[in-house]
Amino acid sequence: MPASMPFIIAGARTGIGVAYIMVFVSELAGASSGLGYLIAVSQLSYRIDRMIATLFVLGLLGAATDQAFTYSVRRLFPWAQMMG
């Protein structure tokens, strides 16, 4: 099990990134609230400033989640050296 942890961690980290993309796309497709909905509404009303700000917030959330995941993995599994 300890030898397989780096591969499991890499898969979970990739899965978190894909999950963020899927939530964003599903909000674009048919939600009535959320960051994806706000981007879609901003695009329709030509509010590029709001659209870019929302994309920036979405990027910050993704980066913060990745950093929190990396930190927790390093604390829980110190023998599993992650790249990045």
Protein backbone atom coordinates (compact mmCIF):
# COMPACT_ATOMS: atom_id res chain seq x y z
CA MET A 1 0.00 0.00 0.00
CA PRO A 2 2.68 2.61 0.79
CA ALA A 3 4.31 2.11 -2.61
CA SER A 4 1.03 2.70 -4.45
CA MET A 5 0.15 5.93 -2.61
CA PRO A 6 1.89 8.33 -5.06
CA PHE A 7 -0.20 6.91 -7.91
CA ILE A 8 -3.43 7.06 -5.92
CA ILE A 9 -2.65 10.63 -4.88
CA ALA A 10 -1.89 11.66 -8.48
CA GLY A 11 -5.21 10.18 -9.61
CA ALA A 12 -7.13 11.94 -6.83
CA ARG A 13 -5.45 15.25 -7.64
CA THR A 14 -6.37 14.91 -11.30
CA GLY A 15 -9.91 13.92 -10.30
CA ILE A 16 -10.30 17.07 -8.23
CA GLY A 17 -9.33 19.20 -11.23
CA VAL A 18 -11.76 17.37 -13.51
CA ALA A 19 -14.50 17.71 -10.90
CA TYR A 20 -14.06 21.50 -10.87
CA ILE A 21 -14.32 21.59 -14.65
CA MET A 22 -17.47 19.44 -14.64
CA VAL A 23 -19.17 21.57 -11.99
CA PHE A 24 -18.35 24.70 -13.98
CA VAL A 25 -19.65 23.20 -17.25
CA SER A 26 -22.83 21.91 -15.64
CA GLU A 27 -23.51 25.34 -14.15
CA LEU A 28 -23.02 26.86 -17.61
CA ALA A 29 -25.46 24.37 -19.12
CA GLY A 30 -28.48 24.62 -16.89
CA ALA A 31 -28.11 26.08 -13.41
CA SER A 32 -29.81 29.16 -12.04
CA SER A 33 -27.01 30.04 -9.61
CA GLY A 34 -23.28 29.54 -9.18
CA LEU A 35 -20.12 30.78 -10.79
CA GLY A 36 -20.83 29.17 -14.17
CA TYR A 37 -24.26 30.78 -14.27
CA LEU A 38 -22.73 34.15 -13.38
CA ILE A 39 -20.24 33.81 -16.23
CA ALA A 40 -23.00 32.89 -18.69
CA VAL A 41 -25.18 35.82 -17.62
CA SER A 42 -22.21 38.18 -17.77
CA GLN A 43 -21.45 37.04 -21.29
CA LEU A 44 -25.03 37.62 -22.43
CA SER A 45 -25.11 41.10 -20.93
CA TYR A 46 -21.61 42.00 -22.24
CA ARG A 47 -20.21 42.45 -18.72
CA ILE A 48 -16.67 41.34 -19.52
CA ASP A 49 -15.31 42.78 -16.28
CA ARG A 50 -17.65 40.60 -14.20
CA MET A 51 -16.91 37.60 -16.39
CA ILE A 52 -13.14 37.92 -15.97
CA ALA A 53 -13.49 38.53 -12.22
CA THR A 54 -15.60 35.39 -11.88
CA LEU A 55 -13.08 33.35 -13.87
CA PHE A 56 -10.34 34.70 -11.60
CA VAL A 57 -12.32 33.62 -8.51
CA LEU A 58 -12.85 30.19 -10.06
CA GLY A 59 -9.10 29.90 -10.67
CA LEU A 60 -8.34 30.94 -7.09
CA LEU A 61 -10.75 28.33 -5.74
CA GLY A 62 -9.13 25.64 -7.86
CA ALA A 63 -5.63 26.65 -6.80
CA ALA A 64 -6.62 26.83 -3.12
CA THR A 65 -8.21 23.39 -3.29
CA ASP A 66 -5.10 21.96 -4.94
CA GLN A 67 -2.84 23.54 -2.31
CA ALA A 68 -5.05 22.25 0.53
CA PHE A 69 -5.03 18.75 -0.99
CA THR A 70 -1.25 18.81 -1.42
CA TYR A 71 -0.73 20.04 2.14
CA SER A 72 -3.03 17.40 3.63
CA VAL A 73 -1.37 14.61 1.62
CA ARG A 74 2.08 15.70 2.80
CA ARG A 75 0.85 15.70 6.39
CA LEU A 76 -1.01 12.38 6.19
CA PHE A 77 1.39 10.44 3.96
CA PRO A 78 4.92 11.79 4.46
CA TRP A 79 6.48 8.80 2.68
CA ALA A 80 4.55 9.47 -0.54
CA GLN A 81 6.64 12.06 -2.39
CA MET A 82 4.42 14.04 -4.76
CA MET A 83 5.67 15.88 -7.76
CA GLY A 84 4.68 19.54 -7.85
